[in-house]
PDB file of N, CA and C in Angstrom:
ATOM      1  N   MET A   1       0.793  -1.229  -0.052  1.00  0.00           N
ATOM      2  CA  MET A   1      -0.116   0.255   0.108  1.00  0.00           C
ATOM      3  C   MET A   1       0.885   1.204  -0.111  1.00  0.00           C
ATOM      4  N   ALA A   2       2.027   1.287   0.925  1.00  0.00           N
ATOM      5  CA  ALA A   2       2.580   2.450   0.950  1.00  0.00           C
ATOM      6  C   ALA A   2       3.548   2.672  -0.546  1.00  0.00           C
ATOM      7  N   LEU A   3       3.928   1.716  -1.026  1.00  0.00           N
ATOM      8  CA  LEU A   3       4.392   1.610  -2.670  1.00  0.00           C
ATOM      9  C   LEU A   3       3.552   2.130  -3.409  1.00  0.00           C
ATOM     10  N   LEU A   4       2.315   1.823  -3.475  1.00  0.00           N
ATOM     11  CA  LEU A   4       1.327   2.719  -4.124  1.00  0.00           C
ATOM     12  C   LEU A   4       1.273   4.000  -3.858  1.00  0.00           C
ATOM     13  N   VAL A   5       1.095   4.498  -2.736  1.00  0.00           N
ATOM     14  CA  VAL A   5       1.058   5.906  -2.437  1.00  0.00           C
ATOM     15  C   VAL A   5       2.272   6.648  -2.883  1.00  0.00           C
ATOM     16  N   GLY A   6       3.498   6.073  -2.630  1.00  0.00           N
ATOM     17  CA  GLY A   6       4.775   6.566  -3.117  1.00  0.00           C
ATOM     18  C   GLY A   6       4.690   6.884  -4.539  1.00  0.00           C
ATOM     19  N   LEU A   7       4.550   5.516  -5.315  1.00  0.00           N
ATOM     20  CA  LEU A   7       4.295   5.865  -6.783  1.00  0.00           C
ATOM     21  C   LEU A   7       3.443   6.889  -7.115  1.00  0.00           C
ATOM     22  N   TRP A   8       2.229   7.130  -6.693  1.00  0.00           N
ATOM     23  CA  TRP A   8       1.106   8.088  -6.904  1.00  0.00           C
ATOM     24  C   TRP A   8       1.948   9.486  -6.857  1.00  0.00           C
ATOM     25  N   PHE A   9       2.652   9.858  -5.561  1.00  0.00           N
ATOM     26  CA  PHE A   9       3.335  10.865  -5.324  1.00  0.00           C
ATOM     27  C   PHE A   9       4.475  11.300  -6.571  1.00  0.00           C
ATOM     28  N   VAL A  10       5.005  10.285  -6.591  1.00  0.00           N
ATOM     29  CA  VAL A  10       6.287  10.428  -8.001  1.00  0.00           C
ATOM     30  C   VAL A  10       5.542  10.730  -9.390  1.00  0.00           C
ATOM     31  N   LEU A  11       4.379  10.029  -9.579  1.00  0.00           N
ATOM     32  CA  LEU A  11       3.843  10.415 -11.071  1.00  0.00           C
ATOM     33  C   LEU A  11       3.269  11.776 -10.830  1.00  0.00           C
ATOM     34  N   ASP A  12       2.408  12.239  -9.612  1.00  0.00           N
ATOM     35  CA  ASP A  12       2.026  13.491  -9.607  1.00  0.00           C
ATOM     36  C   ASP A  12       2.839  14.653  -9.893  1.00  0.00           C
ATOM     37  N   GLY A  13       4.044  14.271  -9.018  1.00  0.00           N
ATOM     38  CA  GLY A  13       5.257  15.084  -9.055  1.00  0.00           C
ATOM     39  C   GLY A  13       5.787  15.204 -10.540  1.00  0.00           C
ATOM     40  N   ALA A  14       5.993  14.058 -11.441  1.00  0.00           N
ATOM     41  CA  ALA A  14       6.260  14.324 -12.668  1.00  0.00           C
ATOM     42  C   ALA A  14       5.385  15.100 -13.572  1.00  0.00           C
ATOM     43  N   ILE A  15       4.251  14.871 -13.401  1.00  0.00           N
ATOM     44  CA  ILE A  15       3.031  15.341 -14.435  1.00  0.00           C
ATOM     45  C   ILE A  15       3.113  17.025 -14.003  1.00  0.00           C
ATOM     46  N   THR A  16       3.269  17.310 -12.711  1.00  0.00           N
ATOM     47  CA  THR A  16       3.167  18.487 -12.294  1.00  0.00           C
ATOM     48  C   THR A  16       4.547  19.576 -12.985  1.00  0.00           C
ATOM     49  N   ILE A  17       5.739  18.765 -12.670  1.00  0.00           N
ATOM     50  CA  ILE A  17       6.903  19.243 -13.483  1.00  0.00           C
ATOM     51  C   ILE A  17       6.947  19.439 -14.989  1.00  0.00           C
ATOM     52  N   ARG A  18       6.288  18.344 -15.704  1.00  0.00           N
ATOM     53  CA  ARG A  18       5.987  18.460 -16.939  1.00  0.00           C
ATOM     54  C   ARG A  18       4.985  19.543 -17.741  1.00  0.00           C
ATOM     55  N   TYR A  19       3.994  19.444 -16.878  1.00  0.00           N
ATOM     56  CA  TYR A  19       2.974  20.443 -17.521  1.00  0.00           C
ATOM     57  C   TYR A  19       2.854  21.757 -16.624  1.00  0.00           C
ATOM     58  N   GLY A  20       3.361  21.839 -15.689  1.00  0.00           N
ATOM     59  CA  GLY A  20       2.918  22.903 -14.697  1.00  0.00           C
ATOM     60  C   GLY A  20       1.806  22.615 -13.774  1.00  0.00           C
ATOM     61  N   SER A  21       1.572  23.515 -12.858  1.00  0.00           N
ATOM     62  CA  SER A  21       0.569  23.338 -12.087  1.00  0.00           C
ATOM     63  C   SER A  21      -0.804  24.177 -12.546  1.00  0.00           C
ATOM     64  N   VAL A  22      -1.793  23.813 -12.172  1.00  0.00           N
ATOM     65  CA  VAL A  22      -3.150  24.257 -12.719  1.00  0.00           C
ATOM     66  C   VAL A  22      -3.280  25.731 -11.924  1.00  0.00           C
ATOM     67  N   GLN A  23      -3.531  26.671 -12.934  1.00  0.00           N
ATOM     68  CA  GLN A  23      -3.619  28.050 -12.413  1.00  0.00           C
ATOM     69  C   GLN A  23      -5.097  28.723 -12.458  1.00  0.00           C
ATOM     70  N   THR A  24      -6.038  27.848 -13.193  1.00  0.00           N
ATOM     71  CA  THR A  24      -7.293  28.409 -13.245  1.00  0.00           C
ATOM     72  C   THR A  24      -8.142  27.446 -12.216  1.00  0.00           C
ATOM     73  N   PRO A  25      -9.068  28.032 -11.275  1.00  0.00           N
ATOM     74  CA  PRO A  25      -9.598  27.598 -10.516  1.00  0.00           C
ATOM     75  C   PRO A  25     -10.847  26.626 -11.205  1.00  0.00           C
ATOM     76  N   HIS A  26     -11.439  25.782 -10.628  1.00  0.00           N
ATOM     77  CA  HIS A  26     -12.378  24.924 -11.064  1.00  0.00           C
ATOM     78  C   HIS A  26     -13.733  26.053 -11.206  1.00  0.00           C
ATOM     79  N   GLU A  27     -14.786  25.851 -12.115  1.00  0.00           N
ATOM     80  CA  GLU A  27     -15.656  26.972 -12.314  1.00  0.00           C
ATOM     81  C   GLU A  27     -16.777  26.782 -10.849  1.00  0.00           C
ATOM     82  N   PHE A  28     -16.767  25.619 -10.258  1.00  0.00           N
ATOM     83  CA  PHE A  28     -17.703  25.471  -9.125  1.00  0.00           C
ATOM     84  C   PHE A  28     -17.092  26.644  -8.097  1.00  0.00           C
ATOM     85  N   VAL A  29     -15.525  26.359  -8.072  1.00  0.00           N
ATOM     86  CA  VAL A  29     -15.075  27.388  -6.880  1.00  0.00           C
ATOM     87  C   VAL A  29     -15.200  28.994  -7.406  1.00  0.00           C
ATOM     88  N   SER A  30     -14.922  28.982  -8.461  1.00  0.00           N
ATOM     89  CA  SER A  30     -14.615  30.531  -9.011  1.00  0.00           C
ATOM     90  C   SER A  30     -16.003  31.444  -9.398  1.00  0.00           C
ATOM     91  N   GLU A  31     -16.851  30.894  -9.682  1.00  0.00           N
ATOM     92  CA  GLU A  31     -18.103  31.639  -9.905  1.00  0.00           C
ATOM     93  C   GLU A  31     -19.195  31.559  -9.038  1.00  0.00           C
ATOM     94  N   ALA A  32     -19.422  30.651  -8.462  1.00  0.00           N
ATOM     95  CA  ALA A  32     -20.585  30.312  -7.414  1.00  0.00           C
ATOM     96  C   ALA A  32     -20.201  29.719  -6.058  1.00  0.00           C
ATOM     97  N   GLU A  33     -18.921  30.371  -5.566  1.00  0.00           N
ATOM     98  CA  GLU A  33     -18.483  30.088  -4.429  1.00  0.00           C
ATOM     99  C   GLU A  33     -19.824  30.198  -3.071  1.00  0.00           C
ATOM    100  N   SER A  34     -20.354  31.873  -3.214  1.00  0.00           N
ATOM    101  CA  SER A  34     -21.065  32.092  -2.368  1.00  0.00           C
ATOM    102  C   SER A  34     -22.333  31.411  -2.180  1.00  0.00           C
ATOM    103  N   GLU A  35     -22.924  31.026  -3.438  1.00  0.00           N
ATOM    104  CA  GLU A  35     -24.064  30.493  -3.935  1.00  0.00           C
ATOM    105  C   GLU A  35     -24.033  28.990  -3.324  1.00  0.00           C
ATOM    106  N   ALA A  36     -22.918  28.455  -3.478  1.00  0.00           N
ATOM    107  CA  ALA A  36     -22.748  27.352  -2.988  1.00  0.00           C
ATOM    108  C   ALA A  36     -22.560  26.942  -1.595  1.00  0.00           C
ATOM    109  N   MET A  37     -21.980  27.844  -0.736  1.00  0.00           N
ATOM    110  CA  MET A  37     -22.032  28.063   0.472  1.00  0.00           C
ATOM    111  C   MET A  37     -23.482  28.044   1.100  1.00  0.00           C
ATOM    112  N   LEU A  38     -24.106  29.155   0.283  1.00  0.00           N
ATOM    113  CA  LEU A  38     -25.458  29.253   1.087  1.00  0.00           C
ATOM    114  C   LEU A  38     -26.269  28.077   0.691  1.00  0.00           C
ATOM    115  N   ARG A  39     -26.119  27.475  -0.246  1.00  0.00           N
ATOM    116  CA  ARG A  39     -27.078  25.680  -0.438  1.00  0.00           C
ATOM    117  C   ARG A  39     -26.549  24.902   0.503  1.00  0.00           C
ATOM    118  N   MET A  40     -25.260  24.670   0.823  1.00  0.00           N
ATOM    119  CA  MET A  40     -24.666  24.099   1.963  1.00  0.00           C
ATOM    120  C   MET A  40     -25.349  24.261   3.276  1.00  0.00           C
ATOM    121  N   GLN A  41     -25.471  25.445   3.684  1.00  0.00           N
ATOM    122  CA  GLN A  41     -26.098  25.980   4.847  1.00  0.00           C
ATOM    123  C   GLN A  41     -27.649  25.731   4.943  1.00  0.00           C
ATOM    124  N   ILE A  42     -27.987  25.751   3.984  1.00  0.00           N
ATOM    125  CA  ILE A  42     -29.631  25.701   3.897  1.00  0.00           C
ATOM    126  C   ILE A  42     -29.936  24.019   4.033  1.00  0.00           C
ATOM    127  N   LEU A  43     -29.041  23.426   3.417  1.00  0.00           N
ATOM    128  CA  LEU A  43     -29.147  21.770   3.317  1.00  0.00           C
ATOM    129  C   LEU A  43     -28.843  21.519   4.894  1.00  0.00           C
ATOM    130  N   HIS A  44     -27.851  21.909   5.417  1.00  0.00           N
ATOM    131  CA  HIS A  44     -27.596  21.498   6.738  1.00  0.00           C
ATOM    132  C   HIS A  44     -28.491  21.882   7.644  1.00  0.00           C
ATOM    133  N   THR A  45     -29.230  23.253   7.566  1.00  0.00           N
ATOM    134  CA  THR A  45     -30.270  23.658   8.408  1.00  0.00           C
ATOM    135  C   THR A  45     -31.597  22.789   8.208  1.00  0.00           C
ATOM    136  N   VAL A  46     -32.070  22.182   6.905  1.00  0.00           N
ATOM    137  CA  VAL A  46     -32.855  21.247   6.720  1.00  0.00           C
ATOM    138  C   VAL A  46     -32.818  19.868   7.444  1.00  0.00           C
ATOM    139  N   HIS A  47     -31.634  19.540   6.959  1.00  0.00           N
ATOM    140  CA  HIS A  47     -31.294  18.195   7.558  1.00  0.00           C
ATOM    141  C   HIS A  47     -31.310  18.032   9.069  1.00  0.00           C
ATOM    142  N   ARG A  48     -31.091  19.124   9.848  1.00  0.00           N
ATOM    143  CA  ARG A  48     -30.950  19.141  11.383  1.00  0.00           C
ATOM    144  C   ARG A  48     -32.464  19.078  11.839  1.00  0.00           C
ATOM    145  N   ALA A  49     -33.326  19.845  11.013  1.00  0.00           N
ATOM    146  CA  ALA A  49     -34.565  19.959  11.433  1.00  0.00           C
ATOM    147  C   ALA A  49     -35.378  18.752  11.159  1.00  0.00           C
ATOM    148  N   LEU A  50     -35.022  18.134   9.922  1.00  0.00           N
ATOM    149  CA  LEU A  50     -35.664  16.630  10.042  1.00  0.00           C
ATOM    150  C   LEU A  50     -35.070  15.681  11.024  1.00  0.00           C
ATOM    151  N   ARG A  51     -33.924  15.779  11.481  1.00  0.00           N
ATOM    152  CA  ARG A  51     -33.351  14.846  12.404  1.00  0.00           C
ATOM    153  C   ARG A  51     -33.981  15.071  13.663  1.00  0.00           C
ATOM    154  N   GLU A  52     -34.263  16.258  14.021  1.00  0.00           N
ATOM    155  CA  GLU A  52     -35.046  16.470  15.172  1.00  0.00           C
ATOM    156  C   GLU A  52     -36.482  16.332  15.180  1.00  0.00           C
ATOM    157  N   SER A  53     -37.082  16.319  13.938  1.00  0.00           N
ATOM    158  CA  SER A  53     -38.323  16.150  14.158  1.00  0.00           C
ATOM    159  C   SER A  53     -38.921  14.623  14.307  1.00  0.00           C
ATOM    160  N   ASP A  54     -40.004  14.426  14.875  1.00  0.00           N
ATOM    161  CA  ASP A  54     -40.688  13.169  14.950  1.00  0.00           C
ATOM    162  C   ASP A  54     -40.857  12.348  13.814  1.00  0.00           C
TER     163      ASP A  54
END
């Protein structure tokens, strides 16, 4: 298992060196960050209310 993890890090580093790191954030994070957080808060509130109800 440790060998696979080590191999993963080596390959990831080699790809990062060859192609460079990603500079553009994903559209989910860049455009709708506040909307996503609001939806997660609403979902948490609804989940808590359903869990506490009979």
